């Protein structure tokens, strides 16, 4: 597989990488190659899903292409961009490169950002605030510094795979909503020497284009601008869960923003007890139709999704065809967060896995078995709201229900892959010279789910694809919830 970059993006990359900021450390080519080669060898040794979506031959090409970009005197931020591009090529949202303290500090104190927030609707970036005291809210970004926005997005997504497994894109677009676009533009595209940028906007009312010269702002100023743009109800994610019974109906709405047991524990709550109590209320009120909202659920503790689903089915099932780890020991362990606690990791890996006849290390069947159905589960109609932010354990819950034809799905394709993910346990590799870190997921979860409707590398695809319009967004109308309630009432 060949990888091509448009002429515009070649200009961006060369222009940005040819300039060094004196605040950032510069490294010898030898130091950078040492760090780079350590990252590559560690990924090959420990990342079980490295070649799930990108073939070994294609990845070797990527490894060499990016190695060839390293030059004498490259600074820490430029090198960080290279690491991000390499880790994102696996198309696994659980793996990533993390900046060193120096790079993070530069971002916080010296970063220069576009004072622009966006709402993505059908891959178009609508501006959510007014710029330069002009009415720009509702305009669509067409280009920045003469580079088409589609090319800029390709460059951003080439560096990050958060909320995205395989060939899904909804999670990637969700990850740049609001002022995250400005942050990602700085991280992966911005030329460090520029003080202002030209932004071409399309006025959707007049269908006319207008180009503005926009002064860049500090991170603190960007945060202040963000506070002047209130979050909609969908965007708010402060509550761990929600529950509501619609009056004069037999419809209940249940929502979970996370499946993390620790997040519940920090609030002196127990996830399983919360779920049990909600279904007791459903039983008491004789609810016949249930909406479960997991649009903001990016996962949490393994098994939480099974516990929730155990209240919704009478059928026992096996969630994974297999769970695999690449090795039970790692040669680079002394450069990781386990350097002082090696035995705890090795003991866990050895205790939970066995060497199969085909030479793979697979999880033992008695480790975290799938939750058995409750004796009296909810038998009514089930509707599940999903989005690109539905990821990891959140997407696994959707996948379980989808594979059993248990629910109707409304919203957008999940960011998490239907057929599995690589996550579970992680090693954080610290590169000795630059101090950048690489998160390597260790466990490949291959689900036992089948579907004729979902191609390999895709997430759960909704039965009703409903995208919130920009008009509904600014009016705080939950298009997907309203559609689902009307669907039930009909």
Protein backbone atom coordinates (compact mmCIF):
# COMPACT_ATOMS: atom_id res chain seq x y z
CA UNK A 1 0.00 0.00 0.00
CA UNK A 2 1.40 3.40 -1.00
CA UNK A 3 0.95 6.62 0.96
CA UNK A 4 0.71 9.93 -0.87
CA UNK A 5 0.53 13.48 0.48
CA UNK A 6 -0.90 16.38 -1.51
CA UNK A 7 1.42 19.15 -2.74
CA UNK A 8 -0.19 21.53 -0.25
CA UNK A 9 0.63 19.29 2.69
CA UNK A 10 4.18 18.76 1.48
CA UNK A 11 4.52 22.54 1.70
CA UNK A 12 3.08 22.56 5.22
CA UNK A 13 5.41 19.82 6.42
CA UNK A 14 8.59 21.21 4.90
CA UNK A 15 7.82 24.76 6.01
CA UNK A 16 7.04 23.73 9.58
CA UNK A 17 9.89 21.28 9.98
CA UNK A 18 12.47 23.61 8.46
CA UNK A 19 12.03 26.05 11.32
CA UNK A 20 13.34 25.52 14.81
CA UNK A 21 12.08 27.42 17.82
CA UNK A 22 14.95 28.36 20.11
CA UNK A 23 12.82 27.47 23.16
CA UNK A 24 12.70 23.81 22.14
CA UNK A 25 15.60 21.40 22.57
CA UNK A 26 17.35 20.24 19.44
CA UNK A 27 18.80 16.76 19.13
CA UNK A 28 21.48 15.07 17.11
CA UNK A 29 20.33 12.75 14.38
CA UNK A 30 22.00 9.89 16.25
CA UNK A 31 19.90 10.56 19.40
CA UNK A 32 16.67 10.76 17.42
CA UNK A 33 17.41 7.60 15.46
CA UNK A 34 18.09 5.78 18.74
CA UNK A 35 14.71 6.85 20.13
CA UNK A 36 12.92 6.12 16.88
CA UNK A 37 14.38 2.65 16.44
CA UNK A 38 13.55 1.80 20.06
CA UNK A 39 9.94 2.80 19.46
CA UNK A 40 9.69 0.73 16.28
CA UNK A 41 11.27 -2.40 17.79
CA UNK A 42 9.06 -2.08 20.89
CA UNK A 43 5.90 -1.77 18.81
CA UNK A 44 6.85 -4.88 16.87
CA UNK A 45 7.63 -6.78 20.05
CA UNK A 46 4.60 -5.87 22.17
CA UNK A 47 1.73 -4.38 20.10
CA UNK A 48 -0.41 -7.44 19.39
CA UNK A 49 -2.74 -5.63 16.98
CA UNK A 50 -0.05 -3.72 15.11
CA UNK A 51 -0.78 -5.40 11.78
CA UNK A 52 -4.55 -5.82 12.17
CA UNK A 53 -5.41 -3.03 9.72
CA UNK A 54 -2.00 -2.20 8.22
CA UNK A 55 0.00 -5.02 6.65
CA UNK A 56 3.60 -5.70 7.75
CA UNK A 57 4.94 -4.65 4.35
CA UNK A 58 2.98 -1.38 4.42
CA UNK A 59 4.14 -0.66 7.95
CA UNK A 60 7.78 -1.32 7.02
CA UNK A 61 7.37 1.29 4.31
CA UNK A 62 5.91 3.73 6.85
CA UNK A 63 8.69 3.02 9.35
CA UNK A 64 11.36 3.75 6.75
CA UNK A 65 9.64 6.85 5.29
CA UNK A 66 9.45 8.49 8.69
CA UNK A 67 12.93 7.44 9.71
CA UNK A 68 14.22 9.18 6.58
CA UNK A 69 12.58 12.45 7.72
CA UNK A 70 14.80 12.68 10.81
CA UNK A 71 17.61 15.21 10.45
CA UNK A 72 20.40 16.76 12.53
CA UNK A 73 19.10 19.42 14.90
CA UNK A 74 15.43 18.46 14.70
CA UNK A 75 13.57 19.83 17.71
CA UNK A 76 11.46 17.90 20.19
CA UNK A 77 8.08 19.01 18.83
CA UNK A 78 8.96 18.11 15.26
CA UNK A 79 10.10 14.68 16.41
CA UNK A 80 6.89 14.27 18.42
CA UNK A 81 4.91 14.78 15.22
CA UNK A 82 6.83 11.97 13.55
CA UNK A 83 6.09 9.62 16.44
CA UNK A 84 2.38 10.47 16.29
CA UNK A 85 2.21 9.75 12.58
CA UNK A 86 3.84 6.35 13.03
CA UNK A 87 1.67 5.22 15.96
CA UNK A 88 -1.52 6.40 14.20
CA UNK A 89 -0.72 4.23 11.18
CA UNK A 90 -1.87 1.13 13.09
CA UNK A 91 -5.44 2.50 12.98
CA UNK A 92 -5.88 1.51 16.62
CA UNK A 93 -7.26 4.29 18.82
CA UNK A 94 -5.81 2.87 22.02
CA UNK A 95 -2.19 3.37 20.94
CA UNK A 96 -0.56 6.77 20.71
CA UNK A 97 2.49 8.92 21.23
CA UNK A 98 2.52 11.20 24.27
CA UNK A 99 4.56 14.40 24.47
CA UNK A 100 7.51 14.90 26.79
CA UNK A 101 7.25 17.43 29.60
CA UNK A 102 9.12 19.91 27.42
CA UNK A 103 6.71 19.50 24.51
CA UNK A 104 3.69 19.71 26.83
CA UNK A 105 5.08 22.84 28.48
CA UNK A 106 5.72 24.44 25.09
CA UNK A 107 2.12 23.67 24.12
CA UNK A 108 0.79 25.28 27.29
CA UNK A 109 3.02 28.33 27.50
CA UNK A 110 4.21 29.08 23.95
CA UNK A 111 1.45 27.59 21.82
CA UNK A 112 -0.36 29.87 19.38
CA UNK A 113 -3.88 28.87 18.47
CA UNK A 114 -6.64 29.77 16.06
CA UNK A 115 -9.40 31.41 18.14
CA UNK A 116 -11.96 29.25 16.38
CA UNK A 117 -14.33 26.56 17.62
CA UNK A 118 -16.14 24.18 15.30
CA UNK A 119 -19.04 21.79 15.13
CA UNK A 120 -18.57 19.02 12.58
CA UNK A 121 -21.70 18.21 10.57
CA UNK A 122 -21.37 15.71 7.73
CA UNK A 123 -17.59 16.33 7.63
CA UNK A 124 -18.04 20.10 7.28
CA UNK A 125 -16.56 22.38 9.95
CA UNK A 126 -19.13 24.96 11.08
CA UNK A 127 -17.72 27.82 13.15
CA UNK A 128 -19.41 28.11 16.57
CA UNK A 129 -18.09 31.55 17.56
CA UNK A 130 -17.66 34.99 16.04
CA UNK A 131 -14.13 35.91 14.91
CA UNK A 132 -12.60 39.41 14.80
CA UNK A 133 -15.94 40.87 15.93
CA UNK A 134 -17.47 39.65 12.69
CA UNK A 135 -20.52 37.42 12.33
CA UNK A 136 -18.84 34.14 11.53
CA UNK A 137 -20.93 31.77 13.64
CA UNK A 138 -22.51 29.25 11.29
CA UNK A 139 -19.93 29.82 8.53
CA UNK A 140 -18.07 26.81 7.12
CA UNK A 141 -14.26 26.71 7.02
CA UNK A 142 -13.06 26.23 3.45
CA UNK A 143 -9.30 26.73 3.80
CA UNK A 144 -6.51 27.96 6.06
CA UNK A 145 -3.56 29.80 4.52
CA UNK A 146 -4.76 28.64 1.11
CA UNK A 147 -4.75 24.95 2.04
CA UNK A 148 -8.15 23.26 1.61
CA UNK A 149 -9.71 22.14 4.87
CA UNK A 150 -10.04 18.56 3.59
CA UNK A 151 -6.26 18.39 3.13
CA UNK A 152 -5.70 19.83 6.60
CA UNK A 153 -8.03 17.25 8.14
CA UNK A 154 -6.23 14.43 6.34
CA UNK A 155 -2.97 15.69 7.83
CA UNK A 156 -4.46 15.88 11.34
CA UNK A 157 -5.98 12.42 11.08
CA UNK A 158 -2.69 11.05 9.73
CA UNK A 159 -1.25 11.89 13.14
CA UNK A 160 -4.02 10.67 15.43
CA UNK A 161 -6.39 7.73 15.69
CA UNK A 162 -8.17 8.58 18.93
CA UNK A 163 -11.76 7.28 19.17
CA UNK A 164 -11.20 5.33 15.97
CA UNK A 165 -10.51 1.68 15.17
CA UNK A 166 -9.87 0.39 11.68
CA UNK A 167 -11.49 2.43 8.95
CA UNK A 168 -14.06 4.31 11.02
CA UNK A 169 -14.02 8.10 10.77
CA UNK A 170 -16.87 9.27 13.00
CA UNK A 171 -14.69 9.19 16.10
CA UNK A 172 -11.96 11.22 14.44
CA UNK A 173 -14.41 13.93 13.43
CA UNK A 174 -15.97 13.90 16.90
CA UNK A 175 -12.51 14.39 18.42
CA UNK A 176 -12.04 17.79 16.76
CA UNK A 177 -15.36 19.33 17.85
CA UNK A 178 -15.39 22.66 19.65
CA UNK A 179 -11.89 24.03 20.29
CA UNK A 180 -10.13 20.70 19.88
CA UNK A 181 -9.74 21.50 16.19
CA UNK A 182 -7.54 24.48 17.04
CA UNK A 183 -5.50 22.32 19.41
CA UNK A 184 -5.01 19.60 16.80
CA UNK A 185 -4.11 22.16 14.15
CA UNK A 186 -1.32 23.45 16.39
CA UNK A 187 -0.07 19.96 17.23
CA UNK A 188 0.11 18.55 13.73
CA UNK A 189 -0.03 21.30 11.07
CA UNK A 190 0.91 24.72 12.46
CA UNK A 191 4.11 26.48 11.34
CA UNK A 192 5.69 27.49 14.67
CA UNK A 193 6.83 30.92 13.41
CA UNK A 194 3.48 32.33 12.29
CA UNK A 195 1.59 34.96 14.29
CA UNK A 196 -1.53 35.08 12.12
CA UNK A 197 -3.28 32.92 9.54
CA UNK A 198 -5.71 33.61 6.72
CA UNK A 199 -8.97 31.71 7.07
CA UNK A 200 -11.45 31.44 4.21
CA UNK A 201 -15.07 30.95 5.29
CA UNK A 202 -18.25 30.19 3.40
CA UNK A 203 -21.28 32.15 4.58
CA UNK A 204 -24.05 29.56 4.38
CA UNK A 205 -26.73 32.28 4.24
CA UNK A 206 -25.33 34.19 1.25
CA UNK A 207 -23.19 31.38 -0.25
CA UNK A 208 -20.32 33.89 -0.47
CA UNK A 209 -16.74 33.28 0.62
CA UNK A 210 -14.79 35.68 2.80
CA UNK A 211 -11.13 35.52 3.83
CA UNK A 212 -10.11 36.84 7.25
CA UNK A 213 -6.67 37.53 8.64
CA UNK A 214 -6.83 35.96 12.10
CA UNK A 215 -4.36 36.69 14.90
CA UNK A 216 -3.35 33.61 16.85
CA UNK A 217 -3.91 33.51 20.61
CA UNK A 218 -2.36 31.86 23.66
CA UNK A 219 -3.75 28.70 25.20
CA UNK A 220 -5.19 30.68 28.13
CA UNK A 221 -6.97 33.00 25.71
CA UNK A 222 -8.33 30.02 23.78
CA UNK A 223 -9.68 28.54 27.02
CA UNK A 224 -11.34 31.87 27.83
CA UNK A 225 -12.97 31.96 24.40
CA UNK A 226 -14.18 28.41 24.95
CA UNK A 227 -15.91 29.44 28.18
CA UNK A 228 -17.95 32.00 26.25
CA UNK A 229 -19.36 29.21 24.08
CA UNK A 230 -21.62 27.13 26.36
CA UNK A 231 -21.72 23.39 25.80
CA UNK A 232 -24.96 21.87 24.58
CA UNK A 233 -26.70 19.19 26.62
CA UNK A 234 -25.25 16.46 24.39
CA UNK A 235 -21.71 17.81 24.84
CA UNK A 236 -21.98 17.96 28.61
CA UNK A 237 -20.38 14.91 30.15
CA UNK A 238 -20.18 15.73 33.86
CA UNK A 239 -22.58 13.06 35.10
CA UNK A 240 -21.58 9.41 35.23
CA UNK A 241 -25.09 8.29 34.40
CA UNK A 242 -28.56 9.66 33.83
CA UNK A 243 -32.05 8.28 34.17
CA UNK A 244 -35.47 9.64 33.29
CA UNK A 245 -38.98 8.28 32.89
CA UNK A 246 -41.10 10.23 30.44
CA UNK A 247 -44.39 11.14 32.07
CA UNK A 248 -47.59 9.44 30.87
CA UNK A 249 -45.55 6.93 28.86
CA UNK A 250 -43.80 3.67 29.45
CA UNK A 251 -40.53 5.06 28.09
CA UNK A 252 -37.37 5.33 30.16
CA UNK A 253 -34.05 6.90 29.17
CA UNK A 254 -30.85 5.56 30.72
CA UNK A 255 -27.43 6.95 29.86
CA UNK A 256 -23.82 6.17 30.80
CA UNK A 257 -20.92 8.52 30.09
CA UNK A 258 -18.36 5.95 31.26
CA UNK A 259 -18.00 2.30 32.23
CA UNK A 260 -15.04 3.03 34.52
CA UNK A 261 -15.52 1.40 37.92
CA UNK A 262 -12.92 3.80 39.35
CA UNK A 263 -14.89 6.83 38.17
CA UNK A 264 -17.91 5.56 40.11
CA UNK A 265 -15.79 4.70 43.14
CA UNK A 266 -14.47 8.27 43.25
CA UNK A 267 -18.08 9.37 43.71
CA UNK A 268 -18.61 6.71 46.40
CA UNK A 269 -20.73 4.71 43.98
CA UNK A 270 -20.57 1.14 42.72
CA UNK A 271 -21.26 0.68 39.01
CA UNK A 272 -23.02 -2.66 39.38
CA UNK A 273 -25.19 -1.37 42.21
CA UNK A 274 -26.16 1.66 40.13
CA UNK A 275 -27.18 -0.56 37.21
CA UNK A 276 -29.12 -2.91 39.50
CA UNK A 277 -31.01 0.00 41.09
CA UNK A 278 -31.96 1.52 37.73
CA UNK A 279 -33.44 -1.75 36.51
CA UNK A 280 -35.37 -2.10 39.76
CA UNK A 281 -36.97 1.26 39.00
CA UNK A 282 -37.73 0.11 35.46
CA UNK A 283 -39.38 -3.02 36.82
CA UNK A 284 -41.35 -1.07 39.44
CA UNK A 285 -42.75 1.33 36.83
CA UNK A 286 -43.41 -1.49 34.34
CA UNK A 287 -41.40 0.20 31.62
CA UNK A 288 -41.99 -1.32 28.19
CA UNK A 289 -39.55 0.74 26.09
CA UNK A 290 -36.02 1.66 27.08
CA UNK A 291 -33.54 4.06 25.46
CA UNK A 292 -29.89 3.60 26.43
CA UNK A 293 -27.69 6.58 25.53
CA UNK A 294 -23.98 5.75 25.15
CA UNK A 295 -23.06 8.52 22.71
CA UNK A 296 -20.39 9.91 25.07
CA UNK A 297 -19.24 6.56 26.46
CA UNK A 298 -15.63 5.89 25.48
CA UNK A 299 -15.32 2.79 27.68
CA UNK A 300 -13.87 1.96 31.06
CA UNK A 301 -13.46 -1.24 33.06
CA UNK A 302 -13.54 -4.52 31.14
CA UNK A 303 -16.73 -6.42 31.93
CA UNK A 304 -18.89 -3.38 32.71
CA UNK A 305 -20.54 -3.61 29.30
CA UNK A 306 -21.38 -7.28 30.00
CA UNK A 307 -22.91 -6.45 33.35
CA UNK A 308 -25.20 -3.86 31.79
CA UNK A 309 -26.18 -6.26 29.00
CA UNK A 310 -26.87 -9.06 31.50
CA UNK A 311 -30.00 -7.07 32.45
CA UNK A 312 -31.17 -7.08 28.84
CA UNK A 313 -30.94 -10.69 27.66
CA UNK A 314 -31.98 -14.23 28.49
CA UNK A 315 -29.25 -15.75 26.32
CA UNK A 316 -25.78 -16.59 27.59
CA UNK A 317 -23.02 -15.72 25.13
CA UNK A 318 -19.27 -15.68 24.67
CA UNK A 319 -17.95 -12.21 23.91
CA UNK A 320 -14.46 -12.99 22.59
CA UNK A 321 -13.30 -15.64 20.18
CA UNK A 322 -9.87 -15.05 21.71
CA UNK A 323 -7.77 -12.55 23.64
CA UNK A 324 -4.10 -12.55 22.66
CA UNK A 325 -0.89 -11.05 24.04
CA UNK A 326 2.29 -10.88 21.93
CA UNK A 327 4.69 -11.99 24.64
CA UNK A 328 4.93 -12.66 28.37
CA UNK A 329 8.16 -10.64 28.70
CA UNK A 330 9.62 -7.61 26.94
CA UNK A 331 13.22 -6.69 26.22
CA UNK A 332 12.56 -2.96 26.65
CA UNK A 333 10.81 -3.23 30.03
CA UNK A 334 13.46 -1.04 31.77
CA UNK A 335 12.44 1.90 29.55
CA UNK A 336 8.79 1.65 30.61
CA UNK A 337 6.54 2.55 33.53
CA UNK A 338 7.02 -1.04 34.77
CA UNK A 339 10.79 -0.73 35.21
CA UNK A 340 10.43 -0.79 39.01
CA UNK A 341 7.47 -3.15 39.06
CA UNK A 342 8.32 -5.68 36.39
CA UNK A 343 7.19 -8.77 38.27
CA UNK A 344 3.62 -7.50 38.74
CA UNK A 345 3.19 -7.21 34.96
CA UNK A 346 4.93 -10.48 34.17
CA UNK A 347 2.98 -12.30 36.89
CA UNK A 348 -0.31 -11.03 35.47
CA UNK A 349 0.59 -11.96 31.91
CA UNK A 350 1.83 -15.42 32.86
CA UNK A 351 -1.11 -16.10 35.17
CA UNK A 352 -3.77 -15.11 32.64
CA UNK A 353 -2.34 -16.59 29.42
CA UNK A 354 -1.14 -19.89 28.02
CA UNK A 355 0.89 -20.95 24.99
CA UNK A 356 -1.51 -22.33 22.39
CA UNK A 357 -0.69 -25.06 19.87
CA UNK A 358 -0.22 -22.46 17.12
CA UNK A 359 2.39 -20.57 19.15
CA UNK A 360 0.22 -17.68 20.32
CA UNK A 361 -0.21 -16.57 23.93
CA UNK A 362 -3.97 -16.64 24.54
CA UNK A 363 -6.04 -15.70 27.55
CA UNK A 364 -7.26 -18.55 29.73
CA UNK A 365 -11.00 -19.19 29.59
CA UNK A 366 -11.53 -18.56 33.31
CA UNK A 367 -10.18 -14.99 33.18
CA UNK A 368 -13.05 -12.47 33.25
CA UNK A 369 -15.73 -14.80 31.83
CA UNK A 370 -18.78 -13.15 30.28
CA UNK A 371 -21.48 -12.14 32.78
CA UNK A 372 -24.44 -14.55 32.96
CA UNK A 373 -27.92 -13.15 32.22
CA UNK A 374 -30.05 -11.99 35.14
CA UNK A 375 -32.95 -14.24 36.13
CA UNK A 376 -35.53 -11.62 35.19
CA UNK A 377 -33.99 -9.34 32.55
CA UNK A 378 -35.74 -6.43 30.86
CA UNK A 379 -37.75 -7.89 27.95
CA UNK A 380 -39.18 -4.70 26.43
CA UNK A 381 -38.13 -2.82 23.31
CA UNK A 382 -34.60 -1.46 23.38
CA UNK A 383 -33.21 1.56 21.54
CA UNK A 384 -29.51 2.49 21.73
CA UNK A 385 -28.10 5.91 20.86
CA UNK A 386 -24.55 5.76 19.46
CA UNK A 387 -21.97 8.16 18.02
CA UNK A 388 -18.33 8.39 17.02
CA UNK A 389 -17.51 8.95 20.69
CA UNK A 390 -18.93 5.50 21.50
CA UNK A 391 -15.64 3.70 21.89
CA UNK A 392 -13.83 0.81 23.58
CA UNK A 393 -16.17 -0.71 26.21
CA UNK A 394 -18.94 1.60 25.04
CA UNK A 395 -18.72 0.27 21.51
CA UNK A 396 -18.43 -3.30 22.82
CA UNK A 397 -21.78 -2.89 24.57
CA UNK A 398 -23.28 -1.71 21.29
CA UNK A 399 -21.62 -4.61 19.46
CA UNK A 400 -23.06 -7.18 21.88
CA UNK A 401 -26.58 -5.85 21.40
CA UNK A 402 -26.08 -5.59 17.64
CA UNK A 403 -24.82 -9.16 17.29
CA UNK A 404 -27.90 -10.43 19.16
CA UNK A 405 -30.36 -8.23 17.23
CA UNK A 406 -31.47 -6.92 20.61
CA UNK A 407 -31.92 -3.23 19.79
CA UNK A 408 -32.58 -0.57 17.20
CA UNK A 409 -29.64 1.80 16.86
CA UNK A 410 -29.98 5.54 16.26
CA UNK A 411 -27.25 8.10 15.61
CA UNK A 412 -23.84 7.63 13.98
CA UNK A 413 -21.43 4.74 13.51
CA UNK A 414 -19.44 3.92 16.64
CA UNK A 415 -15.76 4.84 16.70
CA UNK A 416 -14.85 1.46 18.20
CA UNK A 417 -14.52 -1.56 15.93
CA UNK A 418 -17.29 -4.16 15.85
CA UNK A 419 -14.85 -7.07 15.47
CA UNK A 420 -12.49 -6.08 18.23
CA UNK A 421 -9.78 -3.78 19.51
CA UNK A 422 -6.31 -3.82 21.03
CA UNK A 423 -6.40 -2.40 24.56
CA UNK A 424 -6.84 -3.87 28.05
CA UNK A 425 -3.36 -3.50 29.50
CA UNK A 426 -0.73 -0.98 28.42
CA UNK A 427 2.99 -0.31 28.57
CA UNK A 428 4.21 3.29 28.46
CA UNK A 429 7.59 3.40 26.76
CA UNK A 430 9.76 6.43 27.57
CA UNK A 431 12.24 7.29 24.83
CA UNK A 432 15.55 7.97 26.62
CA UNK A 433 16.82 10.96 24.66
CA UNK A 434 13.70 13.03 23.91
CA UNK A 435 11.57 11.73 26.82
CA UNK A 436 8.52 11.43 24.58
CA UNK A 437 6.33 8.47 25.51
CA UNK A 438 4.57 5.80 23.48
CA UNK A 439 1.51 3.99 24.76
CA UNK A 440 1.51 0.38 23.57
CA UNK A 441 -1.69 -1.68 24.05
CA UNK A 442 -0.92 -5.30 24.89
CA UNK A 443 -4.15 -7.29 24.50
CA UNK A 444 -5.87 -8.01 21.20
CA UNK A 445 -9.58 -8.67 21.76
CA UNK A 446 -11.12 -10.50 18.82
CA UNK A 447 -14.89 -10.66 19.26
CA UNK A 448 -17.11 -13.60 18.45
CA UNK A 449 -19.67 -11.27 16.84
CA UNK A 450 -20.99 -11.83 13.34
CA UNK A 451 -22.84 -9.46 11.03
CA UNK A 452 -23.54 -9.39 7.31
CA UNK A 453 -24.07 -5.64 7.53
CA UNK A 454 -20.75 -4.57 9.06
CA UNK A 455 -17.55 -4.79 6.97
CA UNK A 456 -14.20 -5.57 8.57
CA UNK A 457 -12.69 -2.52 10.23
CA UNK A 458 -15.97 -0.75 10.87
CA UNK A 459 -18.03 0.00 13.96
CA UNK A 460 -21.68 -0.61 14.75
CA UNK A 461 -23.66 1.06 11.98
CA UNK A 462 -26.98 2.57 13.11
CA UNK A 463 -30.32 1.41 11.78
CA UNK A 464 -31.27 5.07 11.60
CA UNK A 465 -28.41 7.41 10.74
CA UNK A 466 -29.38 10.70 12.32
CA UNK A 467 -26.91 13.57 12.36
CA UNK A 468 -27.54 16.71 14.38
CA UNK A 469 -27.83 19.70 12.05
CA UNK A 470 -25.98 22.90 12.88
CA UNK A 471 -29.29 24.67 13.41
CA UNK A 472 -30.33 22.05 15.96
CA UNK A 473 -26.90 22.30 17.54
CA UNK A 474 -27.04 26.04 18.19
CA UNK A 475 -30.63 25.70 19.43
CA UNK A 476 -29.60 22.87 21.78
CA UNK A 477 -31.99 20.41 20.13
CA UNK A 478 -31.06 16.77 20.61
CA UNK A 479 -31.98 15.56 17.12
CA UNK A 480 -31.17 11.92 17.78
CA UNK A 481 -33.11 11.70 21.04
CA UNK A 482 -36.10 13.52 19.53
CA UNK A 483 -36.08 11.17 16.55
CA UNK A 484 -35.98 8.12 18.83
CA UNK A 485 -38.83 9.34 21.03
CA UNK A 486 -40.96 10.05 17.94
CA UNK A 487 -40.03 6.63 16.51
CA UNK A 488 -41.25 4.95 19.68
CA UNK A 489 -44.48 6.95 19.84
CA UNK A 490 -45.29 6.12 16.23
